[in-house]
PDB file of N, CA and C in Angstrom:
ATOM      1  N   MET A   1      24.760 -21.936 -73.215  1.00  0.00           N
ATOM      2  CA  MET A   1      24.771 -22.659 -71.962  1.00  0.00           C
ATOM      3  C   MET A   1      23.596 -23.633 -71.949  1.00  0.00           C
ATOM      4  N   ALA A   2      23.840 -24.884 -71.609  1.00  0.00           N
ATOM      5  CA  ALA A   2      22.807 -25.914 -71.611  1.00  0.00           C
ATOM      6  C   ALA A   2      21.924 -25.787 -70.377  1.00  0.00           C
ATOM      7  N   SER A   3      20.641 -26.035 -70.572  1.00  0.00           N
ATOM      8  CA  SER A   3      19.688 -26.011 -69.467  1.00  0.00           C
ATOM      9  C   SER A   3      19.680 -27.375 -68.793  1.00  0.00           C
ATOM     10  N   THR A   4      19.680 -27.384 -67.481  1.00  0.00           N
ATOM     11  CA  THR A   4      19.645 -28.644 -66.749  1.00  0.00           C
ATOM     12  C   THR A   4      18.304 -28.790 -66.059  1.00  0.00           C
ATOM     13  N   THR A   5      17.863 -30.011 -65.924  1.00  0.00           N
ATOM     14  CA  THR A   5      16.615 -30.315 -65.240  1.00  0.00           C
ATOM     15  C   THR A   5      16.937 -31.194 -64.055  1.00  0.00           C
ATOM     16  N   SER A   6      16.390 -30.877 -62.895  1.00  0.00           N
ATOM     17  CA  SER A   6      16.606 -31.697 -61.712  1.00  0.00           C
ATOM     18  C   SER A   6      15.277 -31.985 -61.051  1.00  0.00           C
ATOM     19  N   ILE A   7      15.190 -33.139 -60.463  1.00  0.00           N
ATOM     20  CA  ILE A   7      13.987 -33.532 -59.739  1.00  0.00           C
ATOM     21  C   ILE A   7      14.234 -33.234 -58.268  1.00  0.00           C
ATOM     22  N   ILE A   8      13.341 -32.510 -57.659  1.00  0.00           N
ATOM     23  CA  ILE A   8      13.437 -32.157 -56.254  1.00  0.00           C
ATOM     24  C   ILE A   8      12.437 -32.996 -55.494  1.00  0.00           C
ATOM     25  N   GLN A   9      12.848 -33.496 -54.345  1.00  0.00           N
ATOM     26  CA  GLN A   9      11.966 -34.336 -53.537  1.00  0.00           C
ATOM     27  C   GLN A   9      10.651 -33.620 -53.290  1.00  0.00           C
ATOM     28  N   GLY A  10       9.558 -34.332 -53.518  1.00  0.00           N
ATOM     29  CA  GLY A  10       8.235 -33.760 -53.345  1.00  0.00           C
ATOM     30  C   GLY A  10       7.517 -33.614 -54.677  1.00  0.00           C
ATOM     31  N   GLY A  11       8.175 -33.948 -55.789  1.00  0.00           N
ATOM     32  CA  GLY A  11       7.504 -33.958 -57.070  1.00  0.00           C
ATOM     33  C   GLY A  11       7.730 -32.734 -57.924  1.00  0.00           C
ATOM     34  N   PHE A  12       8.581 -31.813 -57.538  1.00  0.00           N
ATOM     35  CA  PHE A  12       8.841 -30.634 -58.343  1.00  0.00           C
ATOM     36  C   PHE A  12       9.864 -30.967 -59.418  1.00  0.00           C
ATOM     37  N   SER A  13       9.696 -30.402 -60.578  1.00  0.00           N
ATOM     38  CA  SER A  13      10.674 -30.533 -61.634  1.00  0.00           C
ATOM     39  C   SER A  13      11.007 -29.130 -62.098  1.00  0.00           C
ATOM     40  N   CYS A  14      12.269 -28.744 -62.018  1.00  0.00           N
ATOM     41  CA  CYS A  14      12.667 -27.396 -62.383  1.00  0.00           C
ATOM     42  C   CYS A  14      13.579 -27.458 -63.594  1.00  0.00           C
ATOM     43  N   GLY A  15      13.332 -26.632 -64.561  1.00  0.00           N
ATOM     44  CA  GLY A  15      14.183 -26.597 -65.735  1.00  0.00           C
ATOM     45  C   GLY A  15      14.477 -25.159 -66.102  1.00  0.00           C
ATOM     46  N   GLY A  16      15.711 -24.825 -66.317  1.00  0.00           N
ATOM     47  CA  GLY A  16      16.083 -23.486 -66.725  1.00  0.00           C
ATOM     48  C   GLY A  16      15.771 -22.421 -65.690  1.00  0.00           C
ATOM     49  N   GLY A  17      15.623 -22.799 -64.426  1.00  0.00           N
ATOM     50  CA  GLY A  17      15.389 -21.824 -63.373  1.00  0.00           C
ATOM     51  C   GLY A  17      13.915 -21.517 -63.121  1.00  0.00           C
ATOM     52  N   ALA A  18      13.007 -22.030 -63.943  1.00  0.00           N
ATOM     53  CA  ALA A  18      11.578 -21.760 -63.757  1.00  0.00           C
ATOM     54  C   ALA A  18      10.863 -23.051 -63.385  1.00  0.00           C
ATOM     55  N   LEU A  19       9.793 -22.926 -62.637  1.00  0.00           N
ATOM     56  CA  LEU A  19       8.998 -24.082 -62.254  1.00  0.00           C
ATOM     57  C   LEU A  19       8.249 -24.549 -63.496  1.00  0.00           C
ATOM     58  N   SER A  20       8.567 -25.759 -63.962  1.00  0.00           N
ATOM     59  CA  SER A  20       7.965 -26.211 -65.206  1.00  0.00           C
ATOM     60  C   SER A  20       6.825 -27.204 -65.017  1.00  0.00           C
ATOM     61  N   SER A  21       6.834 -27.949 -63.921  1.00  0.00           N
ATOM     62  CA  SER A  21       5.710 -28.866 -63.694  1.00  0.00           C
ATOM     63  C   SER A  21       5.674 -29.283 -62.231  1.00  0.00           C
ATOM     64  N   PHE A  22       4.519 -29.761 -61.837  1.00  0.00           N
ATOM     65  CA  PHE A  22       4.354 -30.258 -60.476  1.00  0.00           C
ATOM     66  C   PHE A  22       3.510 -31.508 -60.548  1.00  0.00           C
ATOM     67  N   ARG A  23       4.002 -32.576 -59.919  1.00  0.00           N
ATOM     68  CA  ARG A  23       3.234 -33.810 -59.843  1.00  0.00           C
ATOM     69  C   ARG A  23       3.120 -34.213 -58.385  1.00  0.00           C
ATOM     70  N   ALA A  24       1.914 -34.227 -57.887  1.00  0.00           N
ATOM     71  CA  ALA A  24       1.705 -34.652 -56.504  1.00  0.00           C
ATOM     72  C   ALA A  24       1.562 -36.165 -56.485  1.00  0.00           C
ATOM     73  N   ARG A  25       2.414 -36.828 -55.741  1.00  0.00           N
ATOM     74  CA  ARG A  25       2.357 -38.282 -55.612  1.00  0.00           C
ATOM     75  C   ARG A  25       2.095 -38.634 -54.159  1.00  0.00           C
ATOM     76  N   PRO A  26       1.133 -39.481 -53.915  1.00  0.00           N
ATOM     77  CA  PRO A  26       0.948 -39.915 -52.525  1.00  0.00           C
ATOM     78  C   PRO A  26       2.151 -40.757 -52.105  1.00  0.00           C
ATOM     79  N   ARG A  27       2.649 -40.487 -50.923  1.00  0.00           N
ATOM     80  CA  ARG A  27       3.805 -41.218 -50.410  1.00  0.00           C
ATOM     81  C   ARG A  27       3.387 -42.023 -49.198  1.00  0.00           C
ATOM     82  N   ARG A  28       3.917 -43.209 -49.139  1.00  0.00           N
ATOM     83  CA  ARG A  28       3.663 -44.057 -47.985  1.00  0.00           C
ATOM     84  C   ARG A  28       4.947 -44.204 -47.211  1.00  0.00           C
ATOM     85  N   MET A  29       4.853 -44.003 -45.927  1.00  0.00           N
ATOM     86  CA  MET A  29       6.017 -44.133 -45.069  1.00  0.00           C
ATOM     87  C   MET A  29       5.771 -45.255 -44.078  1.00  0.00           C
ATOM     88  N   VAL A  30       6.707 -46.155 -44.008  1.00  0.00           N
ATOM     89  CA  VAL A  30       6.624 -47.264 -43.065  1.00  0.00           C
ATOM     90  C   VAL A  30       7.556 -46.958 -41.904  1.00  0.00           C
ATOM     91  N   VAL A  31       7.006 -46.919 -40.704  1.00  0.00           N
ATOM     92  CA  VAL A  31       7.805 -46.666 -39.506  1.00  0.00           C
ATOM     93  C   VAL A  31       7.862 -47.961 -38.709  1.00  0.00           C
ATOM     94  N   ARG A  32       9.069 -48.421 -38.502  1.00  0.00           N
ATOM     95  CA  ARG A  32       9.243 -49.655 -37.739  1.00  0.00           C
ATOM     96  C   ARG A  32       9.765 -49.320 -36.356  1.00  0.00           C
ATOM     97  N   ALA A  33       9.112 -49.840 -35.367  1.00  0.00           N
ATOM     98  CA  ALA A  33       9.581 -49.658 -33.992  1.00  0.00           C
ATOM     99  C   ALA A  33      10.515 -50.807 -33.671  1.00  0.00           C
ATOM    100  N   GLU A  34      11.761 -50.466 -33.387  1.00  0.00           N
ATOM    101  CA  GLU A  34      12.734 -51.478 -33.026  1.00  0.00           C
ATOM    102  C   GLU A  34      13.253 -51.186 -31.629  1.00  0.00           C
ATOM    103  N   ALA A  35      13.408 -52.215 -30.847  1.00  0.00           N
ATOM    104  CA  ALA A  35      13.891 -52.050 -29.488  1.00  0.00           C
ATOM    105  C   ALA A  35      15.333 -51.579 -29.491  1.00  0.00           C
ATOM    106  N   VAL A  36      15.630 -50.595 -28.683  1.00  0.00           N
ATOM    107  CA  VAL A  36      16.996 -50.116 -28.536  1.00  0.00           C
ATOM    108  C   VAL A  36      17.759 -51.040 -27.603  1.00  0.00           C
ATOM    109  N   ASN A  37      17.051 -51.618 -26.666  1.00  0.00           N
ATOM    110  CA  ASN A  37      17.662 -52.511 -25.687  1.00  0.00           C
ATOM    111  C   ASN A  37      17.233 -53.949 -25.989  1.00  0.00           C
ATOM    112  N   PRO A  38      18.040 -54.690 -26.767  1.00  0.00           N
ATOM    113  CA  PRO A  38      17.613 -56.034 -27.135  1.00  0.00           C
ATOM    114  C   PRO A  38      17.766 -57.089 -26.044  1.00  0.00           C
ATOM    115  N   ASP A  39      18.714 -56.901 -25.092  1.00  0.00           N
ATOM    116  CA  ASP A  39      18.924 -57.985 -24.135  1.00  0.00           C
ATOM    117  C   ASP A  39      19.540 -57.594 -22.794  1.00  0.00           C
ATOM    118  N   ILE A  40      19.597 -56.343 -22.469  1.00  0.00           N
ATOM    119  CA  ILE A  40      20.231 -55.928 -21.217  1.00  0.00           C
ATOM    120  C   ILE A  40      19.187 -55.722 -20.130  1.00  0.00           C
ATOM    121  N   ARG A  41      19.297 -56.494 -19.045  1.00  0.00           N
ATOM    122  CA  ARG A  41      18.430 -56.369 -17.872  1.00  0.00           C
ATOM    123  C   ARG A  41      16.950 -56.334 -18.259  1.00  0.00           C
ATOM    124  N   LYS A  42      16.525 -57.285 -19.076  1.00  0.00           N
ATOM    125  CA  LYS A  42      15.150 -57.331 -19.568  1.00  0.00           C
ATOM    126  C   LYS A  42      14.143 -57.705 -18.492  1.00  0.00           C
ATOM    127  N   ASP A  43      14.609 -58.205 -17.344  1.00  0.00           N
ATOM    128  CA  ASP A  43      13.702 -58.568 -16.259  1.00  0.00           C
ATOM    129  C   ASP A  43      13.211 -57.335 -15.500  1.00  0.00           C
ATOM    130  N   GLU A  44      13.814 -56.169 -15.755  1.00  0.00           N
ATOM    131  CA  GLU A  44      13.407 -54.937 -15.085  1.00  0.00           C
ATOM    132  C   GLU A  44      12.377 -54.187 -15.938  1.00  0.00           C
ATOM    133  N   THR A  45      11.436 -53.503 -15.263  1.00  0.00           N
ATOM    134  CA  THR A  45      10.426 -52.727 -15.964  1.00  0.00           C
ATOM    135  C   THR A  45      11.040 -51.568 -16.724  1.00  0.00           C
ATOM    136  N   LYS A  46      11.973 -50.874 -16.090  1.00  0.00           N
ATOM    137  CA  LYS A  46      12.667 -49.749 -16.714  1.00  0.00           C
ATOM    138  C   LYS A  46      14.110 -49.758 -16.238  1.00  0.00           C
ATOM    139  N   VAL A  47      15.044 -49.648 -17.179  1.00  0.00           N
ATOM    140  CA  VAL A  47      16.463 -49.640 -16.827  1.00  0.00           C
ATOM    141  C   VAL A  47      16.895 -48.195 -16.608  1.00  0.00           C
ATOM    142  N   VAL A  48      17.269 -47.882 -15.376  1.00  0.00           N
ATOM    143  CA  VAL A  48      17.723 -46.542 -15.007  1.00  0.00           C
ATOM    144  C   VAL A  48      19.018 -46.697 -14.218  1.00  0.00           C
ATOM    145  N   ASP A  49      20.031 -45.949 -14.610  1.00  0.00           N
ATOM    146  CA  ASP A  49      21.304 -45.978 -13.904  1.00  0.00           C
ATOM    147  C   ASP A  49      21.622 -44.583 -13.384  1.00  0.00           C
ATOM    148  N   SER A  50      22.108 -44.509 -12.155  1.00  0.00           N
ATOM    149  CA  SER A  50      22.506 -43.237 -11.555  1.00  0.00           C
ATOM    150  C   SER A  50      23.974 -43.308 -11.173  1.00  0.00           C
ATOM    151  N   VAL A  51      24.666 -42.188 -11.349  1.00  0.00           N
ATOM    152  CA  VAL A  51      26.078 -42.117 -10.997  1.00  0.00           C
ATOM    153  C   VAL A  51      26.314 -40.810 -10.260  1.00  0.00           C
ATOM    154  N   LEU A  52      26.947 -40.901  -9.101  1.00  0.00           N
ATOM    155  CA  LEU A  52      27.354 -39.698  -8.388  1.00  0.00           C
ATOM    156  C   LEU A  52      28.725 -39.306  -8.919  1.00  0.00           C
ATOM    157  N   VAL A  53      28.813 -38.145  -9.515  1.00  0.00           N
ATOM    158  CA  VAL A  53      30.043 -37.714 -10.163  1.00  0.00           C
ATOM    159  C   VAL A  53      31.205 -37.669  -9.180  1.00  0.00           C
ATOM    160  N   THR A  54      30.954 -37.360  -7.940  1.00  0.00           N
ATOM    161  CA  THR A  54      32.030 -37.295  -6.950  1.00  0.00           C
ATOM    162  C   THR A  54      32.652 -38.662  -6.686  1.00  0.00           C
ATOM    163  N   GLU A  55      31.935 -39.739  -7.013  1.00  0.00           N
ATOM    164  CA  GLU A  55      32.435 -41.084  -6.772  1.00  0.00           C
ATOM    165  C   GLU A  55      33.213 -41.664  -7.952  1.00  0.00           C
ATOM    166  N   LEU A  56      33.337 -40.938  -9.021  1.00  0.00           N
ATOM    167  CA  LEU A  56      34.075 -41.440 -10.175  1.00  0.00           C
ATOM    168  C   LEU A  56      35.564 -41.518  -9.850  1.00  0.00           C
ATOM    169  N   SER A  57      36.195 -42.602 -10.274  1.00  0.00           N
ATOM    170  CA  SER A  57      37.618 -42.776  -9.998  1.00  0.00           C
ATOM    171  C   SER A  57      38.501 -42.122 -11.057  1.00  0.00           C
ATOM    172  N   LYS A  58      37.971 -41.916 -12.253  1.00  0.00           N
ATOM    173  CA  LYS A  58      38.733 -41.318 -13.345  1.00  0.00           C
ATOM    174  C   LYS A  58      38.231 -39.903 -13.611  1.00  0.00           C
ATOM    175  N   PRO A  59      39.072 -39.030 -14.164  1.00  0.00           N
ATOM    176  CA  PRO A  59      38.629 -37.668 -14.449  1.00  0.00           C
ATOM    177  C   PRO A  59      37.591 -37.606 -15.584  1.00  0.00           C
ATOM    178  N   LEU A  60      37.579 -38.609 -16.474  1.00  0.00           N
ATOM    179  CA  LEU A  60      36.618 -38.668 -17.576  1.00  0.00           C
ATOM    180  C   LEU A  60      36.118 -40.100 -17.706  1.00  0.00           C
ATOM    181  N   THR A  61      34.817 -40.306 -17.582  1.00  0.00           N
ATOM    182  CA  THR A  61      34.240 -41.639 -17.660  1.00  0.00           C
ATOM    183  C   THR A  61      33.173 -41.669 -18.744  1.00  0.00           C
ATOM    184  N   PRO A  62      33.350 -42.505 -19.800  1.00  0.00           N
ATOM    185  CA  PRO A  62      32.342 -42.603 -20.865  1.00  0.00           C
ATOM    186  C   PRO A  62      31.274 -43.654 -20.538  1.00  0.00           C
ATOM    187  N   TYR A  63      30.021 -43.271 -20.655  1.00  0.00           N
ATOM    188  CA  TYR A  63      28.897 -44.180 -20.432  1.00  0.00           C
ATOM    189  C   TYR A  63      28.196 -44.466 -21.751  1.00  0.00           C
ATOM    190  N   CYS A  64      27.812 -45.716 -21.934  1.00  0.00           N
ATOM    191  CA  CYS A  64      27.193 -46.181 -23.172  1.00  0.00           C
ATOM    192  C   CYS A  64      25.788 -45.613 -23.343  1.00  0.00           C
ATOM    193  N   ARG A  65      25.472 -45.170 -24.576  1.00  0.00           N
ATOM    194  CA  ARG A  65      24.109 -44.737 -24.905  1.00  0.00           C
ATOM    195  C   ARG A  65      23.546 -45.512 -26.087  1.00  0.00           C
ATOM    196  N   CYS A  66      24.319 -46.460 -26.639  1.00  0.00           N
ATOM    197  CA  CYS A  66      23.809 -47.252 -27.766  1.00  0.00           C
ATOM    198  C   CYS A  66      23.275 -48.609 -27.308  1.00  0.00           C
ATOM    199  N   TRP A  67      23.512 -48.963 -26.074  1.00  0.00           N
ATOM    200  CA  TRP A  67      23.073 -50.229 -25.479  1.00  0.00           C
ATOM    201  C   TRP A  67      23.757 -51.437 -26.111  1.00  0.00           C
ATOM    202  N   ARG A  68      24.894 -51.259 -26.750  1.00  0.00           N
ATOM    203  CA  ARG A  68      25.584 -52.368 -27.390  1.00  0.00           C
ATOM    204  C   ARG A  68      26.889 -52.735 -26.674  1.00  0.00           C
ATOM    205  N   SER A  69      27.275 -51.978 -25.678  1.00  0.00           N
ATOM    206  CA  SER A  69      28.557 -52.154 -25.010  1.00  0.00           C
ATOM    207  C   SER A  69      28.640 -53.479 -24.257  1.00  0.00           C
ATOM    208  N   GLY A  70      29.766 -54.155 -24.398  1.00  0.00           N
ATOM    209  CA  GLY A  70      30.001 -55.380 -23.642  1.00  0.00           C
ATOM    210  C   GLY A  70      30.360 -55.095 -22.197  1.00  0.00           C
ATOM    211  N   THR A  71      30.632 -53.832 -21.878  1.00  0.00           N
ATOM    212  CA  THR A  71      30.964 -53.420 -20.509  1.00  0.00           C
ATOM    213  C   THR A  71      29.898 -52.482 -19.956  1.00  0.00           C
ATOM    214  N   PHE A  72      28.679 -52.623 -20.456  1.00  0.00           N
ATOM    215  CA  PHE A  72      27.591 -51.742 -20.041  1.00  0.00           C
ATOM    216  C   PHE A  72      27.489 -51.668 -18.521  1.00  0.00           C
ATOM    217  N   PRO A  73      27.326 -50.509 -17.931  1.00  0.00           N
ATOM    218  CA  PRO A  73      26.932 -49.236 -18.522  1.00  0.00           C
ATOM    219  C   PRO A  73      28.077 -48.393 -19.056  1.00  0.00           C
ATOM    220  N   LEU A  74      29.324 -48.892 -18.952  1.00  0.00           N
ATOM    221  CA  LEU A  74      30.448 -48.133 -19.480  1.00  0.00           C
ATOM    222  C   LEU A  74      30.580 -48.352 -20.984  1.00  0.00           C
ATOM    223  N   CYS A  75      31.037 -47.350 -21.695  1.00  0.00           N
ATOM    224  CA  CYS A  75      31.214 -47.415 -23.140  1.00  0.00           C
ATOM    225  C   CYS A  75      32.485 -48.191 -23.479  1.00  0.00           C
ATOM    226  N   ASP A  76      32.382 -49.091 -24.462  1.00  0.00           N
ATOM    227  CA  ASP A  76      33.570 -49.797 -24.942  1.00  0.00           C
ATOM    228  C   ASP A  76      33.826 -49.520 -26.426  1.00  0.00           C
ATOM    229  N   GLY A  77      33.123 -48.536 -26.986  1.00  0.00           N
ATOM    230  CA  GLY A  77      33.305 -48.176 -28.394  1.00  0.00           C
ATOM    231  C   GLY A  77      32.395 -48.927 -29.349  1.00  0.00           C
ATOM    232  N   SER A  78      31.479 -49.734 -28.846  1.00  0.00           N
ATOM    233  CA  SER A  78      30.574 -50.507 -29.699  1.00  0.00           C
ATOM    234  C   SER A  78      29.696 -49.624 -30.567  1.00  0.00           C
ATOM    235  N   HIS A  79      29.509 -48.366 -30.185  1.00  0.00           N
ATOM    236  CA  HIS A  79      28.658 -47.459 -30.962  1.00  0.00           C
ATOM    237  C   HIS A  79      29.223 -47.215 -32.365  1.00  0.00           C
ATOM    238  N   VAL A  80      30.531 -47.373 -32.549  1.00  0.00           N
ATOM    239  CA  VAL A  80      31.132 -47.158 -33.874  1.00  0.00           C
ATOM    240  C   VAL A  80      30.571 -48.184 -34.862  1.00  0.00           C
ATOM    241  N   LYS A  81      30.578 -49.453 -34.469  1.00  0.00           N
ATOM    242  CA  LYS A  81      30.029 -50.515 -35.321  1.00  0.00           C
ATOM    243  C   LYS A  81      28.524 -50.335 -35.499  1.00  0.00           C
ATOM    244  N   HIS A  82      27.823 -49.999 -34.414  1.00  0.00           N
ATOM    245  CA  HIS A  82      26.381 -49.759 -34.472  1.00  0.00           C
ATOM    246  C   HIS A  82      26.053 -48.632 -35.440  1.00  0.00           C
ATOM    247  N   ASN A  83      26.802 -47.531 -35.375  1.00  0.00           N
ATOM    248  CA  ASN A  83      26.551 -46.385 -36.249  1.00  0.00           C
ATOM    249  C   ASN A  83      26.776 -46.736 -37.712  1.00  0.00           C
ATOM    250  N   LYS A  84      27.825 -47.500 -38.016  1.00  0.00           N
ATOM    251  CA  LYS A  84      28.088 -47.903 -39.402  1.00  0.00           C
ATOM    252  C   LYS A  84      26.991 -48.804 -39.933  1.00  0.00           C
ATOM    253  N   ALA A  85      26.494 -49.707 -39.090  1.00  0.00           N
ATOM    254  CA  ALA A  85      25.469 -50.662 -39.513  1.00  0.00           C
ATOM    255  C   ALA A  85      24.096 -50.031 -39.685  1.00  0.00           C
ATOM    256  N   THR A  86      23.780 -49.029 -38.870  1.00  0.00           N
ATOM    257  CA  THR A  86      22.425 -48.469 -38.869  1.00  0.00           C
ATOM    258  C   THR A  86      22.323 -47.052 -39.410  1.00  0.00           C
ATOM    259  N   GLY A  87      23.449 -46.365 -39.604  1.00  0.00           N
ATOM    260  CA  GLY A  87      23.395 -44.967 -40.021  1.00  0.00           C
ATOM    261  C   GLY A  87      23.079 -44.035 -38.866  1.00  0.00           C
ATOM    262  N   ASP A  88      23.129 -44.556 -37.655  1.00  0.00           N
ATOM    263  CA  ASP A  88      22.849 -43.771 -36.460  1.00  0.00           C
ATOM    264  C   ASP A  88      24.053 -42.877 -36.141  1.00  0.00           C
ATOM    265  N   ASN A  89      23.927 -42.002 -35.185  1.00  0.00           N
ATOM    266  CA  ASN A  89      25.040 -41.124 -34.804  1.00  0.00           C
ATOM    267  C   ASN A  89      25.250 -41.059 -33.295  1.00  0.00           C
ATOM    268  N   VAL A  90      24.874 -42.126 -32.606  1.00  0.00           N
ATOM    269  CA  VAL A  90      24.967 -42.138 -31.154  1.00  0.00           C
ATOM    270  C   VAL A  90      26.426 -42.244 -30.695  1.00  0.00           C
ATOM    271  N   GLY A  91      26.714 -41.610 -29.591  1.00  0.00           N
ATOM    272  CA  GLY A  91      28.039 -41.670 -28.982  1.00  0.00           C
ATOM    273  C   GLY A  91      27.874 -41.778 -27.477  1.00  0.00           C
ATOM    274  N   PRO A  92      28.976 -41.828 -26.744  1.00  0.00           N
ATOM    275  CA  PRO A  92      28.889 -42.009 -25.298  1.00  0.00           C
ATOM    276  C   PRO A  92      28.497 -40.727 -24.554  1.00  0.00           C
ATOM    277  N   LEU A  93      28.021 -40.916 -23.337  1.00  0.00           N
ATOM    278  CA  LEU A  93      27.817 -39.813 -22.406  1.00  0.00           C
ATOM    279  C   LEU A  93      29.119 -39.699 -21.628  1.00  0.00           C
ATOM    280  N   LEU A  94      29.755 -38.532 -21.664  1.00  0.00           N
ATOM    281  CA  LEU A  94      31.019 -38.334 -20.967  1.00  0.00           C
ATOM    282  C   LEU A  94      30.784 -37.589 -19.668  1.00  0.00           C
ATOM    283  N   LEU A  95      31.152 -38.214 -18.551  1.00  0.00           N
ATOM    284  CA  LEU A  95      31.041 -37.563 -17.247  1.00  0.00           C
ATOM    285  C   LEU A  95      32.425 -37.150 -16.812  1.00  0.00           C
ATOM    286  N   LYS A  96      32.557 -35.855 -16.487  1.00  0.00           N
ATOM    287  CA  LYS A  96      33.837 -35.314 -16.043  1.00  0.00           C
ATOM    288  C   LYS A  96      33.796 -35.071 -14.556  1.00  0.00           C
ATOM    289  N   LYS A  97      34.894 -35.381 -13.911  1.00  0.00           N
ATOM    290  CA  LYS A  97      34.992 -35.211 -12.456  1.00  0.00           C
ATOM    291  C   LYS A  97      35.320 -33.780 -12.127  1.00  0.00           C
TER     292      LYS A  97
END
């Protein structure tokens, strides 16, 4: 049976089931702060929306949480394109009556 070697994140190298070497490498991480809200109601200090569930006209109402919806604050499915482009996993907030 052939022995396989795999590199594990963090600098470990394992071969044949035993720890064969360790190399500590300094890692640099760049964190970029990007605005989630690029252009919706930017004249307000903080965007806060409230909904009284008893006032909903539909039994299920989806609200946008990706800030990309053309019908904001309601969800129009824009999060699907956003998730594919960014690797994000955001979806709508569903309010049930």
